[in-house]
Amino acid sequence: MTDDDERRYRRAREVLADAGWLFDDFVNKEMRRVLTSDPDDMTTREVAYNRARVATEVKAALSSLVDEYEADIQLKERREQLKESLYGRRN
């Protein structure tokens, strides 16, 4: 992995950690709208619920992408270690 990739990975992880509260507050606001809306106003309730669901899915998907990238890096490092232990260091 290049230094640029490592920097981008760290930055993505930091941004997600810092923005997590924003997703959570948005979901809470939308769910509050679902709970406080008129029970007969199904359109408002559906829209708020769908917005909350999508925000939750987006947050999970972004976290998953960063986690997958991290897992790939660890797998590559482990493969390199195994190659070195089996075949010795090659230049």
PDB file of N, CA and C in Angstrom:
ATOM      1  N   MET A   1       0.847  -1.174   0.000  1.00  0.00           N
ATOM      2  CA  MET A   1       0.000   0.000   0.000  1.00  0.00           C
ATOM      3  C   MET A   1       0.891   1.235   0.000  1.00  0.00           C
ATOM      4  N   THR A   2       0.517   2.189  -0.809  1.00  0.00           N
ATOM      5  CA  THR A   2       1.312   3.409  -0.885  1.00  0.00           C
ATOM      6  C   THR A   2       0.969   4.328   0.284  1.00  0.00           C
ATOM      7  N   ASP A   3       1.834   5.291   0.498  1.00  0.00           N
ATOM      8  CA  ASP A   3       1.595   6.263   1.569  1.00  0.00           C
ATOM      9  C   ASP A   3       0.312   7.051   1.314  1.00  0.00           C
ATOM     10  N   ASP A   4       0.041   7.352   0.037  1.00  0.00           N
ATOM     11  CA  ASP A   4      -1.163   8.090  -0.312  1.00  0.00           C
ATOM     12  C   ASP A   4      -2.411   7.274   0.031  1.00  0.00           C
ATOM     13  N   ASP A   5      -2.382   5.977  -0.292  1.00  0.00           N
ATOM     14  CA  ASP A   5      -3.506   5.104   0.044  1.00  0.00           C
ATOM     15  C   ASP A   5      -3.703   5.024   1.551  1.00  0.00           C
ATOM     16  N   GLU A   6      -2.611   4.896   2.271  1.00  0.00           N
ATOM     17  CA  GLU A   6      -2.678   4.823   3.729  1.00  0.00           C
ATOM     18  C   GLU A   6      -3.274   6.108   4.305  1.00  0.00           C
ATOM     19  N   ARG A   7      -2.865   7.236   3.769  1.00  0.00           N
ATOM     20  CA  ARG A   7      -3.375   8.532   4.242  1.00  0.00           C
ATOM     21  C   ARG A   7      -4.863   8.647   3.947  1.00  0.00           C
ATOM     22  N   ARG A   8      -5.283   8.241   2.752  1.00  0.00           N
ATOM     23  CA  ARG A   8      -6.705   8.290   2.389  1.00  0.00           C
ATOM     24  C   ARG A   8      -7.523   7.352   3.263  1.00  0.00           C
ATOM     25  N   TYR A   9      -6.999   6.180   3.538  1.00  0.00           N
ATOM     26  CA  TYR A   9      -7.688   5.214   4.395  1.00  0.00           C
ATOM     27  C   TYR A   9      -7.871   5.798   5.800  1.00  0.00           C
ATOM     28  N   ARG A  10      -6.795   6.336   6.370  1.00  0.00           N
ATOM     29  CA  ARG A  10      -6.896   6.934   7.713  1.00  0.00           C
ATOM     30  C   ARG A  10      -7.895   8.086   7.725  1.00  0.00           C
ATOM     31  N   ARG A  11      -7.874   8.902   6.683  1.00  0.00           N
ATOM     32  CA  ARG A  11      -8.780  10.047   6.601  1.00  0.00           C
ATOM     33  C   ARG A  11     -10.229   9.577   6.507  1.00  0.00           C
ATOM     34  N   ALA A  12     -10.490   8.565   5.711  1.00  0.00           N
ATOM     35  CA  ALA A  12     -11.854   8.033   5.597  1.00  0.00           C
ATOM     36  C   ALA A  12     -12.337   7.492   6.930  1.00  0.00           C
ATOM     37  N   ARG A  13     -11.472   6.793   7.635  1.00  0.00           N
ATOM     38  CA  ARG A  13     -11.830   6.251   8.949  1.00  0.00           C
ATOM     39  C   ARG A  13     -12.141   7.399   9.923  1.00  0.00           C
ATOM     40  N   GLU A  14     -11.325   8.461   9.893  1.00  0.00           N
ATOM     41  CA  GLU A  14     -11.549   9.613  10.775  1.00  0.00           C
ATOM     42  C   GLU A  14     -12.855  10.329  10.445  1.00  0.00           C
ATOM     43  N   VAL A  15     -13.121  10.522   9.164  1.00  0.00           N
ATOM     44  CA  VAL A  15     -14.334  11.221   8.751  1.00  0.00           C
ATOM     45  C   VAL A  15     -15.568  10.439   9.198  1.00  0.00           C
ATOM     46  N   LEU A  16     -15.546   9.127   9.005  1.00  0.00           N
ATOM     47  CA  LEU A  16     -16.691   8.321   9.436  1.00  0.00           C
ATOM     48  C   LEU A  16     -16.871   8.364  10.946  1.00  0.00           C
ATOM     49  N   ALA A  17     -15.770   8.323  11.671  1.00  0.00           N
ATOM     50  CA  ALA A  17     -15.863   8.386  13.132  1.00  0.00           C
ATOM     51  C   ALA A  17     -16.415   9.741  13.573  1.00  0.00           C
ATOM     52  N   ASP A  18     -15.968  10.807  12.929  1.00  0.00           N
ATOM     53  CA  ASP A  18     -16.422  12.150  13.296  1.00  0.00           C
ATOM     54  C   ASP A  18     -17.868  12.415  12.864  1.00  0.00           C
ATOM     55  N   ALA A  19     -18.289  11.823  11.745  1.00  0.00           N
ATOM     56  CA  ALA A  19     -19.627  12.092  11.215  1.00  0.00           C
ATOM     57  C   ALA A  19     -20.675  11.119  11.731  1.00  0.00           C
ATOM     58  N   GLY A  20     -20.284  10.140  12.500  1.00  0.00           N
ATOM     59  CA  GLY A  20     -21.234   9.159  13.003  1.00  0.00           C
ATOM     60  C   GLY A  20     -22.381   9.785  13.764  1.00  0.00           C
ATOM     61  N   TRP A  21     -22.078  10.771  14.569  1.00  0.00           N
ATOM     62  CA  TRP A  21     -23.129  11.450  15.339  1.00  0.00           C
ATOM     63  C   TRP A  21     -24.133  12.131  14.427  1.00  0.00           C
ATOM     64  N   LEU A  22     -23.659  12.636  13.282  1.00  0.00           N
ATOM     65  CA  LEU A  22     -24.540  13.327  12.349  1.00  0.00           C
ATOM     66  C   LEU A  22     -25.581  12.370  11.781  1.00  0.00           C
ATOM     67  N   PHE A  23     -25.137  11.179  11.371  1.00  0.00           N
ATOM     68  CA  PHE A  23     -26.071  10.166  10.892  1.00  0.00           C
ATOM     69  C   PHE A  23     -27.065   9.804  11.996  1.00  0.00           C
ATOM     70  N   ASP A  24     -26.563   9.595  13.200  1.00  0.00           N
ATOM     71  CA  ASP A  24     -27.422   9.203  14.319  1.00  0.00           C
ATOM     72  C   ASP A  24     -28.455  10.274  14.648  1.00  0.00           C
ATOM     73  N   ASP A  25     -28.039  11.535  14.669  1.00  0.00           N
ATOM     74  CA  ASP A  25     -28.979  12.621  14.944  1.00  0.00           C
ATOM     75  C   ASP A  25     -30.034  12.740  13.849  1.00  0.00           C
ATOM     76  N   PHE A  26     -29.618  12.568  12.606  1.00  0.00           N
ATOM     77  CA  PHE A  26     -30.570  12.628  11.497  1.00  0.00           C
ATOM     78  C   PHE A  26     -31.607  11.517  11.633  1.00  0.00           C
ATOM     79  N   VAL A  27     -31.148  10.309  11.915  1.00  0.00           N
ATOM     80  CA  VAL A  27     -32.067   9.179  12.081  1.00  0.00           C
ATOM     81  C   VAL A  27     -33.015   9.441  13.250  1.00  0.00           C
ATOM     82  N   ASN A  28     -32.478   9.931  14.364  1.00  0.00           N
ATOM     83  CA  ASN A  28     -33.335  10.228  15.517  1.00  0.00           C
ATOM     84  C   ASN A  28     -34.392  11.280  15.174  1.00  0.00           C
ATOM     85  N   LYS A  29     -33.993  12.310  14.431  1.00  0.00           N
ATOM     86  CA  LYS A  29     -34.933  13.362  14.040  1.00  0.00           C
ATOM     87  C   LYS A  29     -36.051  12.795  13.170  1.00  0.00           C
ATOM     88  N   GLU A  30     -35.682  11.972  12.218  1.00  0.00           N
ATOM     89  CA  GLU A  30     -36.686  11.383  11.321  1.00  0.00           C
ATOM     90  C   GLU A  30     -37.605  10.419  12.071  1.00  0.00           C
ATOM     91  N   MET A  31     -37.054   9.651  12.982  1.00  0.00           N
ATOM     92  CA  MET A  31     -37.892   8.720  13.744  1.00  0.00           C
ATOM     93  C   MET A  31     -38.813   9.489  14.691  1.00  0.00           C
ATOM     94  N   ARG A  32     -38.349  10.611  15.212  1.00  0.00           N
ATOM     95  CA  ARG A  32     -39.206  11.463  16.026  1.00  0.00           C
ATOM     96  C   ARG A  32     -40.373  11.972  15.180  1.00  0.00           C
ATOM     97  N   ARG A  33     -40.080  12.305  13.936  1.00  0.00           N
ATOM     98  CA  ARG A  33     -41.132  12.758  13.020  1.00  0.00           C
ATOM     99  C   ARG A  33     -42.157  11.642  12.797  1.00  0.00           C
ATOM    100  N   VAL A  34     -41.681  10.403  12.687  1.00  0.00           N
ATOM    101  CA  VAL A  34     -42.597   9.267  12.525  1.00  0.00           C
ATOM    102  C   VAL A  34     -43.497   9.150  13.756  1.00  0.00           C
ATOM    103  N   LEU A  35     -42.887   9.251  14.933  1.00  0.00           N
ATOM    104  CA  LEU A  35     -43.639   9.047  16.172  1.00  0.00           C
ATOM    105  C   LEU A  35     -44.606  10.188  16.497  1.00  0.00           C
ATOM    106  N   THR A  36     -44.247  11.406  16.104  1.00  0.00           N
ATOM    107  CA  THR A  36     -45.081  12.556  16.463  1.00  0.00           C
ATOM    108  C   THR A  36     -46.044  12.982  15.364  1.00  0.00           C
ATOM    109  N   SER A  37     -45.946  12.363  14.202  1.00  0.00           N
ATOM    110  CA  SER A  37     -46.849  12.745  13.109  1.00  0.00           C
ATOM    111  C   SER A  37     -48.245  12.185  13.360  1.00  0.00           C
ATOM    112  N   ASP A  38     -49.167  12.774  12.674  1.00  0.00           N
ATOM    113  CA  ASP A  38     -50.558  12.329  12.767  1.00  0.00           C
ATOM    114  C   ASP A  38     -50.644  10.892  12.237  1.00  0.00           C
ATOM    115  N   PRO A  39     -51.232   9.984  12.997  1.00  0.00           N
ATOM    116  CA  PRO A  39     -51.316   8.584  12.560  1.00  0.00           C
ATOM    117  C   PRO A  39     -51.990   8.409  11.199  1.00  0.00           C
ATOM    118  N   ASP A  40     -52.834   9.338  10.831  1.00  0.00           N
ATOM    119  CA  ASP A  40     -53.517   9.241   9.533  1.00  0.00           C
ATOM    120  C   ASP A  40     -52.664   9.773   8.379  1.00  0.00           C
ATOM    121  N   ASP A  41     -51.580  10.459   8.686  1.00  0.00           N
ATOM    122  CA  ASP A  41     -50.712  11.028   7.650  1.00  0.00           C
ATOM    123  C   ASP A  41     -49.623  10.023   7.283  1.00  0.00           C
ATOM    124  N   MET A  42     -50.020   9.024   6.534  1.00  0.00           N
ATOM    125  CA  MET A  42     -49.101   7.935   6.188  1.00  0.00           C
ATOM    126  C   MET A  42     -47.959   8.402   5.284  1.00  0.00           C
ATOM    127  N   THR A  43     -48.195   9.392   4.455  1.00  0.00           N
ATOM    128  CA  THR A  43     -47.148   9.867   3.550  1.00  0.00           C
ATOM    129  C   THR A  43     -45.973  10.443   4.348  1.00  0.00           C
ATOM    130  N   THR A  44     -46.269  11.307   5.293  1.00  0.00           N
ATOM    131  CA  THR A  44     -45.217  11.899   6.123  1.00  0.00           C
ATOM    132  C   THR A  44     -44.476  10.820   6.890  1.00  0.00           C
ATOM    133  N   ARG A  45     -45.219   9.885   7.441  1.00  0.00           N
ATOM    134  CA  ARG A  45     -44.610   8.807   8.224  1.00  0.00           C
ATOM    135  C   ARG A  45     -43.707   7.931   7.347  1.00  0.00           C
ATOM    136  N   GLU A  46     -44.195   7.583   6.157  1.00  0.00           N
ATOM    137  CA  GLU A  46     -43.400   6.744   5.250  1.00  0.00           C
ATOM    138  C   GLU A  46     -42.134   7.453   4.790  1.00  0.00           C
ATOM    139  N   VAL A  47     -42.255   8.716   4.434  1.00  0.00           N
ATOM    140  CA  VAL A  47     -41.095   9.477   3.973  1.00  0.00           C
ATOM    141  C   VAL A  47     -40.050   9.573   5.083  1.00  0.00           C
ATOM    142  N   ALA A  48     -40.474   9.909   6.286  1.00  0.00           N
ATOM    143  CA  ALA A  48     -39.531  10.032   7.405  1.00  0.00           C
ATOM    144  C   ALA A  48     -38.880   8.688   7.709  1.00  0.00           C
ATOM    145  N   TYR A  49     -39.665   7.625   7.714  1.00  0.00           N
ATOM    146  CA  TYR A  49     -39.110   6.295   7.995  1.00  0.00           C
ATOM    147  C   TYR A  49     -38.095   5.898   6.921  1.00  0.00           C
ATOM    148  N   ASN A  50     -38.434   6.117   5.661  1.00  0.00           N
ATOM    149  CA  ASN A  50     -37.524   5.754   4.564  1.00  0.00           C
ATOM    150  C   ASN A  50     -36.237   6.565   4.610  1.00  0.00           C
ATOM    151  N   ARG A  51     -36.347   7.842   4.941  1.00  0.00           N
ATOM    152  CA  ARG A  51     -35.135   8.673   5.057  1.00  0.00           C
ATOM    153  C   ARG A  51     -34.238   8.162   6.186  1.00  0.00           C
ATOM    154  N   ALA A  52     -34.835   7.802   7.311  1.00  0.00           N
ATOM    155  CA  ALA A  52     -34.057   7.265   8.437  1.00  0.00           C
ATOM    156  C   ALA A  52     -33.403   5.939   8.052  1.00  0.00           C
ATOM    157  N   ARG A  53     -34.148   5.091   7.361  1.00  0.00           N
ATOM    158  CA  ARG A  53     -33.609   3.789   6.940  1.00  0.00           C
ATOM    159  C   ARG A  53     -32.439   3.965   5.975  1.00  0.00           C
ATOM    160  N   VAL A  54     -32.597   4.858   5.015  1.00  0.00           N
ATOM    161  CA  VAL A  54     -31.532   5.089   4.032  1.00  0.00           C
ATOM    162  C   VAL A  54     -30.286   5.650   4.716  1.00  0.00           C
ATOM    163  N   ALA A  55     -30.466   6.587   5.631  1.00  0.00           N
ATOM    164  CA  ALA A  55     -29.309   7.154   6.335  1.00  0.00           C
ATOM    165  C   ALA A  55     -28.574   6.063   7.120  1.00  0.00           C
ATOM    166  N   THR A  56     -29.321   5.184   7.758  1.00  0.00           N
ATOM    167  CA  THR A  56     -28.712   4.081   8.500  1.00  0.00           C
ATOM    168  C   THR A  56     -27.950   3.153   7.560  1.00  0.00           C
ATOM    169  N   GLU A  57     -28.527   2.862   6.417  1.00  0.00           N
ATOM    170  CA  GLU A  57     -27.870   1.987   5.438  1.00  0.00           C
ATOM    171  C   GLU A  57     -26.622   2.640   4.847  1.00  0.00           C
ATOM    172  N   VAL A  58     -26.676   3.935   4.585  1.00  0.00           N
ATOM    173  CA  VAL A  58     -25.509   4.643   4.045  1.00  0.00           C
ATOM    174  C   VAL A  58     -24.358   4.607   5.048  1.00  0.00           C
ATOM    175  N   LYS A  59     -24.660   4.886   6.305  1.00  0.00           N
ATOM    176  CA  LYS A  59     -23.617   4.858   7.339  1.00  0.00           C
ATOM    177  C   LYS A  59     -22.996   3.466   7.422  1.00  0.00           C
ATOM    178  N   ALA A  60     -23.829   2.439   7.421  1.00  0.00           N
ATOM    179  CA  ALA A  60     -23.327   1.060   7.506  1.00  0.00           C
ATOM    180  C   ALA A  60     -22.509   0.692   6.271  1.00  0.00           C
ATOM    181  N   ALA A  61     -22.961   1.114   5.107  1.00  0.00           N
ATOM    182  CA  ALA A  61     -22.245   0.791   3.871  1.00  0.00           C
ATOM    183  C   ALA A  61     -20.880   1.479   3.819  1.00  0.00           C
ATOM    184  N   LEU A  62     -20.821   2.730   4.237  1.00  0.00           N
ATOM    185  CA  LEU A  62     -19.536   3.435   4.243  1.00  0.00           C
ATOM    186  C   LEU A  62     -18.569   2.793   5.232  1.00  0.00           C
ATOM    187  N   SER A  63     -19.070   2.441   6.405  1.00  0.00           N
ATOM    188  CA  SER A  63     -18.221   1.766   7.392  1.00  0.00           C
ATOM    189  C   SER A  63     -17.748   0.423   6.868  1.00  0.00           C
ATOM    190  N   SER A  64     -18.625  -0.267   6.180  1.00  0.00           N
ATOM    191  CA  SER A  64     -18.275  -1.576   5.618  1.00  0.00           C
ATOM    192  C   SER A  64     -17.168  -1.456   4.576  1.00  0.00           C
ATOM    193  N   LEU A  65     -17.243  -0.429   3.751  1.00  0.00           N
ATOM    194  CA  LEU A  65     -16.202  -0.234   2.731  1.00  0.00           C
ATOM    195  C   LEU A  65     -14.837  -0.027   3.380  1.00  0.00           C
ATOM    196  N   VAL A  66     -14.792   0.794   4.413  1.00  0.00           N
ATOM    197  CA  VAL A  66     -13.527   1.051   5.096  1.00  0.00           C
ATOM    198  C   VAL A  66     -13.045  -0.218   5.794  1.00  0.00           C
ATOM    199  N   ASP A  67     -13.967  -0.959   6.416  1.00  0.00           N
ATOM    200  CA  ASP A  67     -13.591  -2.205   7.081  1.00  0.00           C
ATOM    201  C   ASP A  67     -13.067  -3.243   6.092  1.00  0.00           C
ATOM    202  N   GLU A  68     -13.706  -3.336   4.923  1.00  0.00           N
ATOM    203  CA  GLU A  68     -13.248  -4.270   3.894  1.00  0.00           C
ATOM    204  C   GLU A  68     -11.850  -3.894   3.408  1.00  0.00           C
ATOM    205  N   TYR A  69     -11.610  -2.613   3.239  1.00  0.00           N
ATOM    206  CA  TYR A  69     -10.296  -2.153   2.812  1.00  0.00           C
ATOM    207  C   TYR A  69      -9.250  -2.536   3.845  1.00  0.00           C
ATOM    208  N   GLU A  70      -9.576  -2.345   5.117  1.00  0.00           N
ATOM    209  CA  GLU A  70      -8.655  -2.703   6.187  1.00  0.00           C
ATOM    210  C   GLU A  70      -8.389  -4.209   6.194  1.00  0.00           C
ATOM    211  N   ALA A  71      -9.436  -4.999   6.005  1.00  0.00           N
ATOM    212  CA  ALA A  71      -9.287  -6.456   5.972  1.00  0.00           C
ATOM    213  C   ALA A  71      -8.426  -6.883   4.791  1.00  0.00           C
ATOM    214  N   ASP A  72      -8.598  -6.240   3.650  1.00  0.00           N
ATOM    215  CA  ASP A  72      -7.772  -6.554   2.476  1.00  0.00           C
ATOM    216  C   ASP A  72      -6.298  -6.261   2.738  1.00  0.00           C
ATOM    217  N   ILE A  73      -6.029  -5.151   3.386  1.00  0.00           N
ATOM    218  CA  ILE A  73      -4.652  -4.785   3.707  1.00  0.00           C
ATOM    219  C   ILE A  73      -4.031  -5.829   4.627  1.00  0.00           C
ATOM    220  N   GLN A  74      -4.785  -6.228   5.657  1.00  0.00           N
ATOM    221  CA  GLN A  74      -4.271  -7.228   6.590  1.00  0.00           C
ATOM    222  C   GLN A  74      -4.039  -8.562   5.895  1.00  0.00           C
ATOM    223  N   LEU A  75      -4.938  -8.935   4.987  1.00  0.00           N
ATOM    224  CA  LEU A  75      -4.791 -10.188   4.241  1.00  0.00           C
ATOM    225  C   LEU A  75      -3.538 -10.144   3.369  1.00  0.00           C
ATOM    226  N   LYS A  76      -3.311  -9.031   2.685  1.00  0.00           N
ATOM    227  CA  LYS A  76      -2.121  -8.897   1.841  1.00  0.00           C
ATOM    228  C   LYS A  76      -0.839  -8.974   2.674  1.00  0.00           C
ATOM    229  N   GLU A  77      -0.865  -8.313   3.836  1.00  0.00           N
ATOM    230  CA  GLU A  77       0.307  -8.356   4.709  1.00  0.00           C
ATOM    231  C   GLU A  77       0.565  -9.777   5.197  1.00  0.00           C
ATOM    232  N   ARG A  78      -0.500 -10.478   5.550  1.00  0.00           N
ATOM    233  CA  ARG A  78      -0.362 -11.864   6.021  1.00  0.00           C
ATOM    234  C   ARG A  78       0.170 -12.768   4.916  1.00  0.00           C
ATOM    235  N   ARG A  79      -0.312 -12.576   3.691  1.00  0.00           N
ATOM    236  CA  ARG A  79       0.188 -13.366   2.553  1.00  0.00           C
ATOM    237  C   ARG A  79       1.677 -13.128   2.333  1.00  0.00           C
ATOM    238  N   GLU A  80       2.080 -11.858   2.429  1.00  0.00           N
ATOM    239  CA  GLU A  80       3.500 -11.537   2.262  1.00  0.00           C
ATOM    240  C   GLU A  80       4.342 -12.203   3.349  1.00  0.00           C
ATOM    241  N   GLN A  81       3.829 -12.196   4.573  1.00  0.00           N
ATOM    242  CA  GLN A  81       4.550 -12.845   5.674  1.00  0.00           C
ATOM    243  C   GLN A  81       4.667 -14.342   5.429  1.00  0.00           C
ATOM    244  N   LEU A  82       3.600 -14.960   4.959  1.00  0.00           N
ATOM    245  CA  LEU A  82       3.633 -16.396   4.675  1.00  0.00           C
ATOM    246  C   LEU A  82       4.608 -16.708   3.542  1.00  0.00           C
ATOM    247  N   LYS A  83       4.596 -15.891   2.500  1.00  0.00           N
ATOM    248  CA  LYS A  83       5.528 -16.091   1.389  1.00  0.00           C
ATOM    249  C   LYS A  83       6.969 -15.999   1.882  1.00  0.00           C
ATOM    250  N   GLU A  84       7.223 -15.005   2.708  1.00  0.00           N
ATOM    251  CA  GLU A  84       8.577 -14.836   3.228  1.00  0.00           C
ATOM    252  C   GLU A  84       8.979 -16.013   4.108  1.00  0.00           C
ATOM    253  N   SER A  85       8.049 -16.506   4.901  1.00  0.00           N
ATOM    254  CA  SER A  85       8.393 -17.628   5.781  1.00  0.00           C
ATOM    255  C   SER A  85       8.582 -18.913   4.985  1.00  0.00           C
ATOM    256  N   LEU A  86       7.842 -19.079   3.889  1.00  0.00           N
ATOM    257  CA  LEU A  86       7.976 -20.285   3.079  1.00  0.00           C
ATOM    258  C   LEU A  86       9.155 -20.226   2.131  1.00  0.00           C
ATOM    259  N   TYR A  87       9.351 -19.124   1.479  1.00  0.00           N
ATOM    260  CA  TYR A  87      10.346 -19.009   0.412  1.00  0.00           C
ATOM    261  C   TYR A  87      11.530 -18.121   0.773  1.00  0.00           C
ATOM    262  N   GLY A  88      11.484 -17.487   1.901  1.00  0.00           N
ATOM    263  CA  GLY A  88      12.540 -16.552   2.264  1.00  0.00           C
ATOM    264  C   GLY A  88      12.322 -15.224   1.570  1.00  0.00           C
ATOM    265  N   ARG A  89      13.031 -14.240   2.021  1.00  0.00           N
ATOM    266  CA  ARG A  89      12.883 -12.906   1.447  1.00  0.00           C
ATOM    267  C   ARG A  89      13.588 -12.882   0.086  1.00  0.00           C
ATOM    268  N   ARG A  90      12.854 -12.417  -0.921  1.00  0.00           N
ATOM    269  CA  ARG A  90      13.415 -12.330  -2.278  1.00  0.00           C
ATOM    270  C   ARG A  90      13.541 -10.866  -2.675  1.00  0.00           C
ATOM    271  N   ASN A  91      14.614 -10.551  -3.317  1.00  0.00           N
ATOM    272  CA  ASN A  91      14.812  -9.167  -3.769  1.00  0.00           C
ATOM    273  C   ASN A  91      14.695  -9.095  -5.260  1.00  0.00           C
TER     274      ASN A  91
END
